[in-house]
Amino acid sequence: LYNTILQSRLFYSFIRFIMYSLLSISSIFISLLLMNMFIENISCGGLFDDDVDETTPSNPKTTKSNYILYEPRSSASILSISWITLIIILLTILKIHNSFISEVF
């Protein structure tokens, strides 16, 4: 009886481990996708297209798609925020995995 209980517990925790692994992988992919979208939007002026005033910048850079690209401070902040969220997600995943491993063995 004890053996079967142990096996079922092991199996259950293994399933949970797999589920959390899938969840973590998907969350990483989603965060990378969001990061990529932000970078693309900023690099071709998609986010700031409406409030672009072509007379104000001192050093405009024109891209291939005829948008004027400024080096905005907001792009760096969005990038850093997304990297920070990615790191937090990874740390929580590591914590979950460690707790599962300690629970099983």
PDB file of N, CA and C in Angstrom:
ATOM      1  N   LEU A   1       0.844  -1.201   0.000  1.00  0.00           N
ATOM      2  CA  LEU A   1       0.000   0.000   0.000  1.00  0.00           C
ATOM      3  C   LEU A   1       0.882   1.254   0.000  1.00  0.00           C
ATOM      4  N   TYR A   2       1.885   1.264   0.863  1.00  0.00           N
ATOM      5  CA  TYR A   2       2.778   2.425   0.954  1.00  0.00           C
ATOM      6  C   TYR A   2       3.488   2.670  -0.373  1.00  0.00           C
ATOM      7  N   ASN A   3       3.879   1.610  -1.045  1.00  0.00           N
ATOM      8  CA  ASN A   3       4.544   1.708  -2.337  1.00  0.00           C
ATOM      9  C   ASN A   3       3.650   2.383  -3.380  1.00  0.00           C
ATOM     10  N   THR A   4       2.405   1.977  -3.426  1.00  0.00           N
ATOM     11  CA  THR A   4       1.477   2.556  -4.414  1.00  0.00           C
ATOM     12  C   THR A   4       1.212   4.026  -4.107  1.00  0.00           C
ATOM     13  N   ILE A   5       1.098   4.351  -2.823  1.00  0.00           N
ATOM     14  CA  ILE A   5       0.895   5.756  -2.430  1.00  0.00           C
ATOM     15  C   ILE A   5       2.091   6.589  -2.875  1.00  0.00           C
ATOM     16  N   LEU A   6       3.279   6.055  -2.619  1.00  0.00           N
ATOM     17  CA  LEU A   6       4.505   6.748  -3.006  1.00  0.00           C
ATOM     18  C   LEU A   6       4.574   6.931  -4.516  1.00  0.00           C
ATOM     19  N   GLN A   7       4.218   5.864  -5.263  1.00  0.00           N
ATOM     20  CA  GLN A   7       4.243   5.936  -6.725  1.00  0.00           C
ATOM     21  C   GLN A   7       3.240   6.951  -7.244  1.00  0.00           C
ATOM     22  N   SER A   8       2.039   6.945  -6.663  1.00  0.00           N
ATOM     23  CA  SER A   8       1.014   7.885  -7.124  1.00  0.00           C
ATOM     24  C   SER A   8       1.437   9.321  -6.824  1.00  0.00           C
ATOM     25  N   ARG A   9       2.039   9.528  -5.639  1.00  0.00           N
ATOM     26  CA  ARG A   9       2.509  10.857  -5.271  1.00  0.00           C
ATOM     27  C   ARG A   9       3.606  11.318  -6.239  1.00  0.00           C
ATOM     28  N   LEU A  10       4.505  10.401  -6.550  1.00  0.00           N
ATOM     29  CA  LEU A  10       5.588  10.697  -7.487  1.00  0.00           C
ATOM     30  C   LEU A  10       5.025  11.049  -8.856  1.00  0.00           C
ATOM     31  N   PHE A  11       4.054  10.248  -9.299  1.00  0.00           N
ATOM     32  CA  PHE A  11       3.430  10.463 -10.600  1.00  0.00           C
ATOM     33  C   PHE A  11       2.718  11.812 -10.647  1.00  0.00           C
ATOM     34  N   TYR A  12       1.962  12.110  -9.580  1.00  0.00           N
ATOM     35  CA  TYR A  12       1.225  13.366  -9.490  1.00  0.00           C
ATOM     36  C   TYR A  12       2.169  14.561  -9.518  1.00  0.00           C
ATOM     37  N   SER A  13       3.253  14.493  -8.754  1.00  0.00           N
ATOM     38  CA  SER A  13       4.200  15.602  -8.718  1.00  0.00           C
ATOM     39  C   SER A  13       4.946  15.723 -10.042  1.00  0.00           C
ATOM     40  N   PHE A  14       5.169  14.574 -10.698  1.00  0.00           N
ATOM     41  CA  PHE A  14       5.823  14.600 -12.016  1.00  0.00           C
ATOM     42  C   PHE A  14       4.929  15.295 -13.034  1.00  0.00           C
ATOM     43  N   ILE A  15       3.631  14.996 -12.992  1.00  0.00           N
ATOM     44  CA  ILE A  15       2.676  15.643 -13.896  1.00  0.00           C
ATOM     45  C   ILE A  15       2.658  17.147 -13.630  1.00  0.00           C
ATOM     46  N   ARG A  16       2.624  17.513 -12.344  1.00  0.00           N
ATOM     47  CA  ARG A  16       2.629  18.936 -12.006  1.00  0.00           C
ATOM     48  C   ARG A  16       3.911  19.618 -12.476  1.00  0.00           C
ATOM     49  N   PHE A  17       5.022  18.904 -12.334  1.00  0.00           N
ATOM     50  CA  PHE A  17       6.317  19.419 -12.789  1.00  0.00           C
ATOM     51  C   PHE A  17       6.279  19.690 -14.288  1.00  0.00           C
ATOM     52  N   ILE A  18       5.720  18.730 -15.055  1.00  0.00           N
ATOM     53  CA  ILE A  18       5.612  18.897 -16.508  1.00  0.00           C
ATOM     54  C   ILE A  18       4.705  20.079 -16.846  1.00  0.00           C
ATOM     55  N   MET A  19       3.582  20.181 -16.131  1.00  0.00           N
ATOM     56  CA  MET A  19       2.641  21.277 -16.381  1.00  0.00           C
ATOM     57  C   MET A  19       3.308  22.633 -16.133  1.00  0.00           C
ATOM     58  N   TYR A  20       4.022  22.738 -15.003  1.00  0.00           N
ATOM     59  CA  TYR A  20       4.692  23.994 -14.699  1.00  0.00           C
ATOM     60  C   TYR A  20       5.815  24.287 -15.684  1.00  0.00           C
ATOM     61  N   SER A  21       6.479  23.232 -16.175  1.00  0.00           N
ATOM     62  CA  SER A  21       7.521  23.431 -17.189  1.00  0.00           C
ATOM     63  C   SER A  21       6.920  24.001 -18.461  1.00  0.00           C
ATOM     64  N   LEU A  22       5.787  23.413 -18.893  1.00  0.00           N
ATOM     65  CA  LEU A  22       5.098  23.914 -20.089  1.00  0.00           C
ATOM     66  C   LEU A  22       4.651  25.360 -19.887  1.00  0.00           C
ATOM     67  N   LEU A  23       4.119  25.628 -18.692  1.00  0.00           N
ATOM     68  CA  LEU A  23       3.669  26.985 -18.372  1.00  0.00           C
ATOM     69  C   LEU A  23       4.825  27.974 -18.419  1.00  0.00           C
ATOM     70  N   SER A  24       5.958  27.574 -17.859  1.00  0.00           N
ATOM     71  CA  SER A  24       7.118  28.462 -17.819  1.00  0.00           C
ATOM     72  C   SER A  24       7.660  28.708 -19.227  1.00  0.00           C
ATOM     73  N   ILE A  25       7.727  27.641 -20.033  1.00  0.00           N
ATOM     74  CA  ILE A  25       8.227  27.797 -21.402  1.00  0.00           C
ATOM     75  C   ILE A  25       7.311  28.725 -22.192  1.00  0.00           C
ATOM     76  N   SER A  26       5.993  28.528 -22.040  1.00  0.00           N
ATOM     77  CA  SER A  26       5.052  29.381 -22.777  1.00  0.00           C
ATOM     78  C   SER A  26       5.136  30.826 -22.304  1.00  0.00           C
ATOM     79  N   SER A  27       5.318  31.032 -20.985  1.00  0.00           N
ATOM     80  CA  SER A  27       5.423  32.406 -20.482  1.00  0.00           C
ATOM     81  C   SER A  27       6.688  33.083 -20.996  1.00  0.00           C
ATOM     82  N   ILE A  28       7.787  32.314 -21.101  1.00  0.00           N
ATOM     83  CA  ILE A  28       9.018  32.874 -21.648  1.00  0.00           C
ATOM     84  C   ILE A  28       8.802  33.277 -23.101  1.00  0.00           C
ATOM     85  N   PHE A  29       8.154  32.386 -23.870  1.00  0.00           N
ATOM     86  CA  PHE A  29       7.896  32.701 -25.275  1.00  0.00           C
ATOM     87  C   PHE A  29       7.021  33.934 -25.417  1.00  0.00           C
ATOM     88  N   ILE A  30       5.992  34.039 -24.565  1.00  0.00           N
ATOM     89  CA  ILE A  30       5.088  35.189 -24.634  1.00  0.00           C
ATOM     90  C   ILE A  30       5.835  36.474 -24.312  1.00  0.00           C
ATOM     91  N   SER A  31       6.688  36.423 -23.272  1.00  0.00           N
ATOM     92  CA  SER A  31       7.424  37.638 -22.901  1.00  0.00           C
ATOM     93  C   SER A  31       8.409  38.040 -23.992  1.00  0.00           C
ATOM     94  N   LEU A  32       9.062  37.048 -24.616  1.00  0.00           N
ATOM     95  CA  LEU A  32       9.968  37.348 -25.723  1.00  0.00           C
ATOM     96  C   LEU A  32       9.215  37.951 -26.900  1.00  0.00           C
ATOM     97  N   LEU A  33       8.018  37.415 -27.167  1.00  0.00           N
ATOM     98  CA  LEU A  33       7.194  37.925 -28.258  1.00  0.00           C
ATOM     99  C   LEU A  33       6.799  39.369 -27.994  1.00  0.00           C
ATOM    100  N   LEU A  34       6.375  39.651 -26.748  1.00  0.00           N
ATOM    101  CA  LEU A  34       6.006  41.018 -26.380  1.00  0.00           C
ATOM    102  C   LEU A  34       7.194  41.960 -26.522  1.00  0.00           C
ATOM    103  N   MET A  35       8.368  41.483 -26.092  1.00  0.00           N
ATOM    104  CA  MET A  35       9.576  42.279 -26.207  1.00  0.00           C
ATOM    105  C   MET A  35       9.866  42.600 -27.668  1.00  0.00           C
ATOM    106  N   ASN A  36       9.747  41.587 -28.521  1.00  0.00           N
ATOM    107  CA  ASN A  36       9.989  41.752 -29.953  1.00  0.00           C
ATOM    108  C   ASN A  36       9.012  42.754 -30.555  1.00  0.00           C
ATOM    109  N   MET A  37       7.721  42.661 -30.139  1.00  0.00           N
ATOM    110  CA  MET A  37       6.716  43.596 -30.643  1.00  0.00           C
ATOM    111  C   MET A  37       7.061  45.026 -30.251  1.00  0.00           C
ATOM    112  N   PHE A  38       7.466  45.212 -28.985  1.00  0.00           N
ATOM    113  CA  PHE A  38       7.834  46.550 -28.524  1.00  0.00           C
ATOM    114  C   PHE A  38       9.017  47.096 -29.310  1.00  0.00           C
ATOM    115  N   ILE A  39      10.021  46.234 -29.528  1.00  0.00           N
ATOM    116  CA  ILE A  39      11.213  46.677 -30.252  1.00  0.00           C
ATOM    117  C   ILE A  39      10.838  47.065 -31.677  1.00  0.00           C
ATOM    118  N   GLU A  40      10.004  46.229 -32.337  1.00  0.00           N
ATOM    119  CA  GLU A  40       9.595  46.526 -33.710  1.00  0.00           C
ATOM    120  C   GLU A  40       8.816  47.825 -33.766  1.00  0.00           C
ATOM    121  N   ASN A  41       7.885  48.008 -32.823  1.00  0.00           N
ATOM    122  CA  ASN A  41       7.075  49.226 -32.804  1.00  0.00           C
ATOM    123  C   ASN A  41       7.932  50.461 -32.653  1.00  0.00           C
ATOM    124  N   ILE A  42       8.918  50.374 -31.774  1.00  0.00           N
ATOM    125  CA  ILE A  42       9.761  51.531 -31.520  1.00  0.00           C
ATOM    126  C   ILE A  42      10.676  51.795 -32.712  1.00  0.00           C
ATOM    127  N   SER A  43      11.214  50.703 -33.286  1.00  0.00           N
ATOM    128  CA  SER A  43      12.211  50.908 -34.344  1.00  0.00           C
ATOM    129  C   SER A  43      11.600  51.474 -35.616  1.00  0.00           C
ATOM    130  N   CYS A  44      10.302  51.221 -35.866  1.00  0.00           N
ATOM    131  CA  CYS A  44       9.715  51.826 -37.072  1.00  0.00           C
ATOM    132  C   CYS A  44       8.689  52.883 -36.709  1.00  0.00           C
ATOM    133  N   GLY A  45       8.744  53.396 -35.502  1.00  0.00           N
ATOM    134  CA  GLY A  45       7.922  54.535 -35.105  1.00  0.00           C
ATOM    135  C   GLY A  45       6.466  54.208 -34.922  1.00  0.00           C
ATOM    136  N   GLY A  46       6.106  52.949 -34.732  1.00  0.00           N
ATOM    137  CA  GLY A  46       4.708  52.575 -34.616  1.00  0.00           C
ATOM    138  C   GLY A  46       4.052  53.103 -33.361  1.00  0.00           C
ATOM    139  N   LEU A  47       4.794  53.083 -32.241  1.00  0.00           N
ATOM    140  CA  LEU A  47       4.200  53.516 -30.983  1.00  0.00           C
ATOM    141  C   LEU A  47       4.035  55.031 -30.925  1.00  0.00           C
ATOM    142  N   PHE A  48       4.987  55.745 -31.505  1.00  0.00           N
ATOM    143  CA  PHE A  48       4.979  57.200 -31.366  1.00  0.00           C
ATOM    144  C   PHE A  48       4.654  57.875 -32.691  1.00  0.00           C
ATOM    145  N   ASP A  49       3.924  57.175 -33.554  1.00  0.00           N
ATOM    146  CA  ASP A  49       3.660  57.707 -34.894  1.00  0.00           C
ATOM    147  C   ASP A  49       2.694  58.879 -34.869  1.00  0.00           C
ATOM    148  N   ASP A  50       1.737  58.854 -33.932  1.00  0.00           N
ATOM    149  CA  ASP A  50       0.695  59.887 -33.928  1.00  0.00           C
ATOM    150  C   ASP A  50       1.230  61.232 -33.460  1.00  0.00           C
ATOM    151  N   ASP A  51       2.097  61.218 -32.456  1.00  0.00           N
ATOM    152  CA  ASP A  51       2.550  62.486 -31.890  1.00  0.00           C
ATOM    153  C   ASP A  51       3.968  62.848 -32.345  1.00  0.00           C
ATOM    154  N   VAL A  52       4.290  62.506 -33.600  1.00  0.00           N
ATOM    155  CA  VAL A  52       5.613  62.855 -34.134  1.00  0.00           C
ATOM    156  C   VAL A  52       5.559  64.271 -34.703  1.00  0.00           C
ATOM    157  N   ASP A  53       6.437  65.103 -34.190  1.00  0.00           N
ATOM    158  CA  ASP A  53       6.571  66.455 -34.719  1.00  0.00           C
ATOM    159  C   ASP A  53       7.944  66.540 -35.362  1.00  0.00           C
ATOM    160  N   GLU A  54       7.967  66.734 -36.675  1.00  0.00           N
ATOM    161  CA  GLU A  54       9.225  66.595 -37.401  1.00  0.00           C
ATOM    162  C   GLU A  54      10.168  67.783 -37.214  1.00  0.00           C
ATOM    163  N   THR A  55       9.701  68.844 -36.580  1.00  0.00           N
ATOM    164  CA  THR A  55      10.577  70.002 -36.399  1.00  0.00           C
ATOM    165  C   THR A  55      11.324  69.965 -35.075  1.00  0.00           C
ATOM    166  N   THR A  56      10.800  69.224 -34.091  1.00  0.00           N
ATOM    167  CA  THR A  56      11.402  69.288 -32.759  1.00  0.00           C
ATOM    168  C   THR A  56      12.734  68.565 -32.628  1.00  0.00           C
ATOM    169  N   PRO A  57      12.959  67.374 -33.222  1.00  0.00           N
ATOM    170  CA  PRO A  57      14.207  66.687 -32.871  1.00  0.00           C
ATOM    171  C   PRO A  57      15.431  67.342 -33.486  1.00  0.00           C
ATOM    172  N   SER A  58      16.526  67.266 -32.734  1.00  0.00           N
ATOM    173  CA  SER A  58      17.762  67.858 -33.239  1.00  0.00           C
ATOM    174  C   SER A  58      18.525  66.859 -34.091  1.00  0.00           C
ATOM    175  N   ASN A  59      18.335  65.570 -33.811  1.00  0.00           N
ATOM    176  CA  ASN A  59      19.099  64.560 -34.542  1.00  0.00           C
ATOM    177  C   ASN A  59      18.187  63.419 -34.992  1.00  0.00           C
ATOM    178  N   PRO A  60      17.368  63.639 -36.016  1.00  0.00           N
ATOM    179  CA  PRO A  60      16.498  62.547 -36.472  1.00  0.00           C
ATOM    180  C   PRO A  60      17.257  61.562 -37.347  1.00  0.00           C
ATOM    181  N   LYS A  61      16.893  60.303 -37.221  1.00  0.00           N
ATOM    182  CA  LYS A  61      17.476  59.282 -38.089  1.00  0.00           C
ATOM    183  C   LYS A  61      16.347  58.690 -38.919  1.00  0.00           C
ATOM    184  N   THR A  62      16.494  58.674 -40.221  1.00  0.00           N
ATOM    185  CA  THR A  62      15.441  58.117 -41.050  1.00  0.00           C
ATOM    186  C   THR A  62      15.714  56.637 -41.289  1.00  0.00           C
ATOM    187  N   THR A  63      14.665  55.842 -41.164  1.00  0.00           N
ATOM    188  CA  THR A  63      14.793  54.410 -41.410  1.00  0.00           C
ATOM    189  C   THR A  63      14.374  54.109 -42.841  1.00  0.00           C
ATOM    190  N   LYS A  64      14.449  52.839 -43.228  1.00  0.00           N
ATOM    191  CA  LYS A  64      14.098  52.445 -44.591  1.00  0.00           C
ATOM    192  C   LYS A  64      12.622  52.655 -44.873  1.00  0.00           C
ATOM    193  N   SER A  65      11.804  52.578 -43.844  1.00  0.00           N
ATOM    194  CA  SER A  65      10.355  52.665 -44.060  1.00  0.00           C
ATOM    195  C   SER A  65       9.853  54.109 -43.989  1.00  0.00           C
ATOM    196  N   ASN A  66      10.738  55.086 -44.183  1.00  0.00           N
ATOM    197  CA  ASN A  66      10.417  56.516 -44.240  1.00  0.00           C
ATOM    198  C   ASN A  66       9.820  57.073 -42.952  1.00  0.00           C
ATOM    199  N   TYR A  67       9.898  56.315 -41.859  1.00  0.00           N
ATOM    200  CA  TYR A  67       9.552  56.863 -40.562  1.00  0.00           C
ATOM    201  C   TYR A  67      10.785  57.558 -40.019  1.00  0.00           C
ATOM    202  N   ILE A  68      10.561  58.572 -39.212  1.00  0.00           N
ATOM    203  CA  ILE A  68      11.696  59.219 -38.552  1.00  0.00           C
ATOM    204  C   ILE A  68      11.888  58.547 -37.204  1.00  0.00           C
ATOM    205  N   LEU A  69      13.088  58.044 -36.994  1.00  0.00           N
ATOM    206  CA  LEU A  69      13.381  57.313 -35.770  1.00  0.00           C
ATOM    207  C   LEU A  69      14.227  58.195 -34.859  1.00  0.00           C
ATOM    208  N   TYR A  70      13.669  58.502 -33.690  1.00  0.00           N
ATOM    209  CA  TYR A  70      14.445  59.190 -32.673  1.00  0.00           C
ATOM    210  C   TYR A  70      14.967  58.110 -31.741  1.00  0.00           C
ATOM    211  N   GLU A  71      15.987  58.436 -30.993  1.00  0.00           N
ATOM    212  CA  GLU A  71      16.466  57.495 -29.987  1.00  0.00           C
ATOM    213  C   GLU A  71      15.729  57.826 -28.692  1.00  0.00           C
ATOM    214  N   PRO A  72      14.524  57.320 -28.526  1.00  0.00           N
ATOM    215  CA  PRO A  72      13.745  57.756 -27.362  1.00  0.00           C
ATOM    216  C   PRO A  72      14.178  57.024 -26.101  1.00  0.00           C
ATOM    217  N   ARG A  73      14.003  57.695 -24.983  1.00  0.00           N
ATOM    218  CA  ARG A  73      14.352  57.087 -23.711  1.00  0.00           C
ATOM    219  C   ARG A  73      13.366  55.975 -23.370  1.00  0.00           C
ATOM    220  N   SER A  74      12.145  56.099 -23.901  1.00  0.00           N
ATOM    221  CA  SER A  74      11.101  55.133 -23.550  1.00  0.00           C
ATOM    222  C   SER A  74      11.412  53.750 -24.087  1.00  0.00           C
ATOM    223  N   SER A  75      12.089  53.655 -25.236  1.00  0.00           N
ATOM    224  CA  SER A  75      12.407  52.332 -25.788  1.00  0.00           C
ATOM    225  C   SER A  75      13.322  51.571 -24.846  1.00  0.00           C
ATOM    226  N   ALA A  76      14.314  52.280 -24.296  1.00  0.00           N
ATOM    227  CA  ALA A  76      15.233  51.636 -23.357  1.00  0.00           C
ATOM    228  C   ALA A  76      14.497  51.194 -22.102  1.00  0.00           C
ATOM    229  N   SER A  77      13.560  52.019 -21.629  1.00  0.00           N
ATOM    230  CA  SER A  77      12.838  51.663 -20.402  1.00  0.00           C
ATOM    231  C   SER A  77      11.933  50.464 -20.637  1.00  0.00           C
ATOM    232  N   ILE A  78      11.252  50.433 -21.801  1.00  0.00           N
ATOM    233  CA  ILE A  78      10.391  49.287 -22.113  1.00  0.00           C
ATOM    234  C   ILE A  78      11.219  48.024 -22.219  1.00  0.00           C
ATOM    235  N   LEU A  79      12.376  48.140 -22.859  1.00  0.00           N
ATOM    236  CA  LEU A  79      13.268  46.993 -23.015  1.00  0.00           C
ATOM    237  C   LEU A  79      13.726  46.483 -21.648  1.00  0.00           C
ATOM    238  N   SER A  80      14.128  47.408 -20.789  1.00  0.00           N
ATOM    239  CA  SER A  80      14.617  46.992 -19.472  1.00  0.00           C
ATOM    240  C   SER A  80      13.494  46.377 -18.644  1.00  0.00           C
ATOM    241  N   ILE A  81      12.279  46.947 -18.764  1.00  0.00           N
ATOM    242  CA  ILE A  81      11.135  46.395 -18.024  1.00  0.00           C
ATOM    243  C   ILE A  81      10.857  44.971 -18.482  1.00  0.00           C
ATOM    244  N   SER A  82      10.898  44.760 -19.799  1.00  0.00           N
ATOM    245  CA  SER A  82      10.611  43.420 -20.308  1.00  0.00           C
ATOM    246  C   SER A  82      11.699  42.434 -19.884  1.00  0.00           C
ATOM    247  N   TRP A  83      12.967  42.889 -19.878  1.00  0.00           N
ATOM    248  CA  TRP A  83      14.043  42.006 -19.415  1.00  0.00           C
ATOM    249  C   TRP A  83      13.867  41.682 -17.939  1.00  0.00           C
ATOM    250  N   ILE A  84      13.472  42.687 -17.146  1.00  0.00           N
ATOM    251  CA  ILE A  84      13.268  42.468 -15.713  1.00  0.00           C
ATOM    252  C   ILE A  84      12.150  41.459 -15.484  1.00  0.00           C
ATOM    253  N   THR A  85      11.047  41.597 -16.247  1.00  0.00           N
ATOM    254  CA  THR A  85       9.946  40.649 -16.090  1.00  0.00           C
ATOM    255  C   THR A  85      10.379  39.243 -16.486  1.00  0.00           C
ATOM    256  N   LEU A  86      11.178  39.142 -17.535  1.00  0.00           N
ATOM    257  CA  LEU A  86      11.698  37.843 -17.965  1.00  0.00           C
ATOM    258  C   LEU A  86      12.537  37.205 -16.857  1.00  0.00           C
ATOM    259  N   ILE A  87      13.400  38.007 -16.220  1.00  0.00           N
ATOM    260  CA  ILE A  87      14.254  37.500 -15.139  1.00  0.00           C
ATOM    261  C   ILE A  87      13.400  37.058 -13.952  1.00  0.00           C
ATOM    262  N   ILE A  88      12.360  37.850 -13.629  1.00  0.00           N
ATOM    263  CA  ILE A  88      11.477  37.497 -12.510  1.00  0.00           C
ATOM    264  C   ILE A  88      10.763  36.182 -12.795  1.00  0.00           C
ATOM    265  N   ILE A  89      10.263  36.031 -14.042  1.00  0.00           N
ATOM    266  CA  ILE A  89       9.589  34.790 -14.437  1.00  0.00           C
ATOM    267  C   ILE A  89      10.536  33.605 -14.281  1.00  0.00           C
ATOM    268  N   LEU A  90      11.772  33.775 -14.779  1.00  0.00           N
ATOM    269  CA  LEU A  90      12.755  32.689 -14.682  1.00  0.00           C
ATOM    270  C   LEU A  90      13.047  32.317 -13.232  1.00  0.00           C
ATOM    271  N   LEU A  91      13.163  33.334 -12.376  1.00  0.00           N
ATOM    272  CA  LEU A  91      13.448  33.066 -10.965  1.00  0.00           C
ATOM    273  C   LEU A  91      12.297  32.324 -10.293  1.00  0.00           C
ATOM    274  N   THR A  92      11.053  32.730 -10.597  1.00  0.00           N
ATOM    275  CA  THR A  92       9.904  32.042 -10.012  1.00  0.00           C
ATOM    276  C   THR A  92       9.827  30.599 -10.501  1.00  0.00           C
ATOM    277  N   ILE A  93      10.156  30.385 -11.783  1.00  0.00           N
ATOM    278  CA  ILE A  93      10.159  29.024 -12.342  1.00  0.00           C
ATOM    279  C   ILE A  93      11.180  28.169 -11.603  1.00  0.00           C
ATOM    280  N   LEU A  94      12.376  28.725 -11.405  1.00  0.00           N
ATOM    281  CA  LEU A  94      13.415  27.994 -10.683  1.00  0.00           C
ATOM    282  C   LEU A  94      12.959  27.636  -9.275  1.00  0.00           C
ATOM    283  N   LYS A  95      12.292  28.582  -8.625  1.00  0.00           N
ATOM    284  CA  LYS A  95      11.805  28.342  -7.271  1.00  0.00           C
ATOM    285  C   LYS A  95      10.769  27.219  -7.265  1.00  0.00           C
ATOM    286  N   ILE A  96       9.828  27.268  -8.224  1.00  0.00           N
ATOM    287  CA  ILE A  96       8.789  26.239  -8.325  1.00  0.00           C
ATOM    288  C   ILE A  96       9.418  24.876  -8.562  1.00  0.00           C
ATOM    289  N   HIS A  97      10.359  24.822  -9.507  1.00  0.00           N
ATOM    290  CA  HIS A  97      10.996  23.556  -9.833  1.00  0.00           C
ATOM    291  C   HIS A  97      11.765  23.001  -8.640  1.00  0.00           C
ATOM    292  N   ASN A  98      12.474  23.877  -7.937  1.00  0.00           N
ATOM    293  CA  ASN A  98      13.223  23.435  -6.758  1.00  0.00           C
ATOM    294  C   ASN A  98      12.284  22.893  -5.688  1.00  0.00           C
ATOM    295  N   SER A  99      11.139  23.566  -5.506  1.00  0.00           N
ATOM    296  CA  SER A  99      10.187  23.098  -4.495  1.00  0.00           C
ATOM    297  C   SER A  99       9.610  21.743  -4.890  1.00  0.00           C
ATOM    298  N   PHE A 100       9.353  21.559  -6.189  1.00  0.00           N
ATOM    299  CA  PHE A 100       8.827  20.268  -6.634  1.00  0.00           C
ATOM    300  C   PHE A 100       9.852  19.162  -6.464  1.00  0.00           C
ATOM    301  N   ILE A 101      11.099  19.474  -6.798  1.00  0.00           N
ATOM    302  CA  ILE A 101      12.154  18.468  -6.670  1.00  0.00           C
ATOM    303  C   ILE A 101      12.327  18.080  -5.206  1.00  0.00           C
ATOM    304  N   SER A 102      12.290  19.070  -4.316  1.00  0.00           N
ATOM    305  CA  SER A 102      12.441  18.773  -2.890  1.00  0.00           C
ATOM    306  C   SER A 102      11.223  18.027  -2.352  1.00  0.00           C
ATOM    307  N   GLU A 103      10.046  18.285  -2.960  1.00  0.00           N
ATOM    308  CA  GLU A 103       8.829  17.600  -2.531  1.00  0.00           C
ATOM    309  C   GLU A 103       8.870  16.122  -2.921  1.00  0.00           C
ATOM    310  N   VAL A 104       9.399  15.854  -4.134  1.00  0.00           N
ATOM    311  CA  VAL A 104       9.405  14.480  -4.643  1.00  0.00           C
ATOM    312  C   VAL A 104      10.473  13.654  -3.950  1.00  0.00           C
ATOM    313  N   PHE A 105      11.691  14.212  -3.853  1.00  0.00           N
ATOM    314  CA  PHE A 105      12.795  13.405  -3.325  1.00  0.00           C
ATOM    315  C   PHE A 105      13.124  13.781  -1.886  1.00  0.00           C
TER     316      PHE A 105
END
